[in-house]
Protein backbone atom coordinates (compact mmCIF):
# COMPACT_ATOMS: atom_id res chain seq x y z
CA MET A 1 -2.60 -6.98 12.54
CA TYR A 2 -1.41 -7.58 16.04
CA VAL A 3 -0.70 -4.89 18.58
CA GLN A 4 1.61 -5.54 21.49
CA TYR A 5 1.49 -3.69 24.80
CA LYS A 6 4.22 -4.98 27.11
CA GLU A 7 3.13 -8.57 27.81
CA PHE A 8 -0.22 -8.43 25.99
CA THR A 9 -0.76 -9.08 22.31
CA TYR A 10 -4.15 -8.90 20.71
CA MET A 11 -5.53 -8.91 17.22
CA LEU A 12 -7.12 -5.78 15.85
CA PRO A 13 -10.41 -6.19 14.00
CA LEU A 14 -10.13 -6.00 10.24
CA ALA A 15 -11.27 -2.75 8.69
CA PHE A 16 -11.70 -3.92 5.13
CA SER A 17 -14.55 -2.59 3.07
CA CYS A 18 -16.98 -5.01 1.61
CA SER A 19 -16.29 -5.19 -2.10
CA SER A 20 -18.66 -7.13 -4.27
CA SER A 21 -15.94 -9.56 -5.35
CA GLY A 22 -14.27 -9.91 -1.94
CA SER A 23 -10.85 -9.43 -3.55
CA TYR A 24 -9.95 -6.54 -1.24
CA GLU A 25 -10.84 -8.64 1.77
CA ARG A 26 -8.77 -11.58 0.49
CA LEU A 27 -5.80 -9.25 0.03
CA GLY A 28 -6.22 -7.97 3.59
CA TYR A 29 -6.40 -11.50 4.96
CA ARG A 30 -3.29 -12.49 3.01
CA LEU A 31 -1.32 -9.60 4.51
CA GLN A 32 -2.74 -10.31 7.95
CA GLY A 33 -1.54 -13.90 7.69
CA LEU A 34 1.97 -12.74 6.77
CA ILE A 35 2.05 -10.23 9.62
CA ALA A 36 0.87 -12.81 12.16
CA SER A 37 4.00 -14.93 11.75
CA PRO A 38 6.14 -14.95 14.95
CA HIS A 39 9.27 -14.43 12.83
CA VAL A 40 7.74 -11.32 11.28
CA GLN A 41 6.66 -10.01 14.67
CA LYS A 42 10.31 -10.03 15.76
CA ARG A 43 11.60 -8.08 12.75
CA GLN A 44 8.40 -5.96 12.48
CA TYR A 45 8.10 -5.68 8.72
CA ILE A 46 7.01 -7.72 5.74
CA GLU A 47 8.07 -7.58 2.13
CA VAL A 48 5.35 -8.68 -0.23
CA ARG A 49 4.76 -8.94 -3.97
CA PRO A 50 1.29 -8.52 -5.40
CA ALA A 51 0.06 -11.85 -6.73
CA PRO A 52 -0.86 -11.94 -10.43
CA ASP A 53 -4.52 -12.52 -9.59
CA GLU A 54 -4.75 -9.56 -7.17
CA SER A 55 -6.30 -6.32 -8.34
CA ALA A 56 -4.02 -3.29 -8.77
CA THR A 57 -6.94 -1.16 -7.59
CA ASP A 58 -7.27 -3.20 -4.39
CA TRP A 59 -3.53 -2.86 -3.77
CA ALA A 60 -3.68 0.89 -4.31
CA MET A 61 -6.60 1.23 -1.86
CA LEU A 62 -4.91 -0.93 0.77
CA LEU A 63 -1.53 0.81 0.49
CA ASN A 64 -3.23 4.20 0.66
CA ALA A 65 -5.04 3.17 3.84
CA LEU A 66 -1.82 1.83 5.36
CA GLU A 67 0.14 4.97 4.44
CA GLU A 68 -2.47 7.08 6.24
CA THR A 69 -2.22 4.94 9.38
CA ASN A 70 -0.01 6.29 12.16
CA GLY A 71 2.83 3.95 12.98
CA ILE A 72 2.96 2.16 9.64
CA GLN A 73 5.53 2.81 6.94
CA VAL A 74 5.04 1.66 3.34
CA GLU A 75 8.03 1.58 1.02
CA HIS A 76 8.44 0.33 -2.54
CA VAL A 77 11.84 -1.40 -2.36
CA GLU A 78 11.68 -2.76 -5.92
CA PRO A 79 9.16 -2.21 -8.69
CA ASP A 80 7.17 -5.26 -7.56
CA VAL A 81 8.16 -5.51 -3.87
CA ILE A 82 6.47 -3.55 -1.10
CA ARG A 83 7.81 -3.30 2.46
CA ILE A 84 5.27 -2.67 5.20
CA ALA A 85 6.98 -1.85 8.49
CA TRP A 86 6.03 -0.76 11.96
CA ARG A 87 9.32 -1.18 13.91
CA GLU A 88 10.40 2.42 14.48
CA TYR A 89 6.98 3.40 15.79
CA ILE A 90 6.57 0.71 18.47
CA ASP A 91 7.20 1.78 22.06
CA LEU A 92 7.10 -1.11 24.52
CA ASN A 93 8.29 0.84 27.56
């Protein structure tokens, strides 16, 4: 995830646990790649569907961690679509 302070943007270190299969980490990297898109940075949200090969347990852990993070909003917009947003919490003044 990127954080922007006025003219500076930097990448936060990943805080993914080390699972034996690495599936949680791969999920985190997939979301990070989506979030890093310049188009997404302008609108400040992503809508994502879990891939068939991704673990429901990993998704639950990741969404729980995101929901507990200040400044991030997680919303289920359809049964299989999740919106992760941070727009209303950003203050660039």
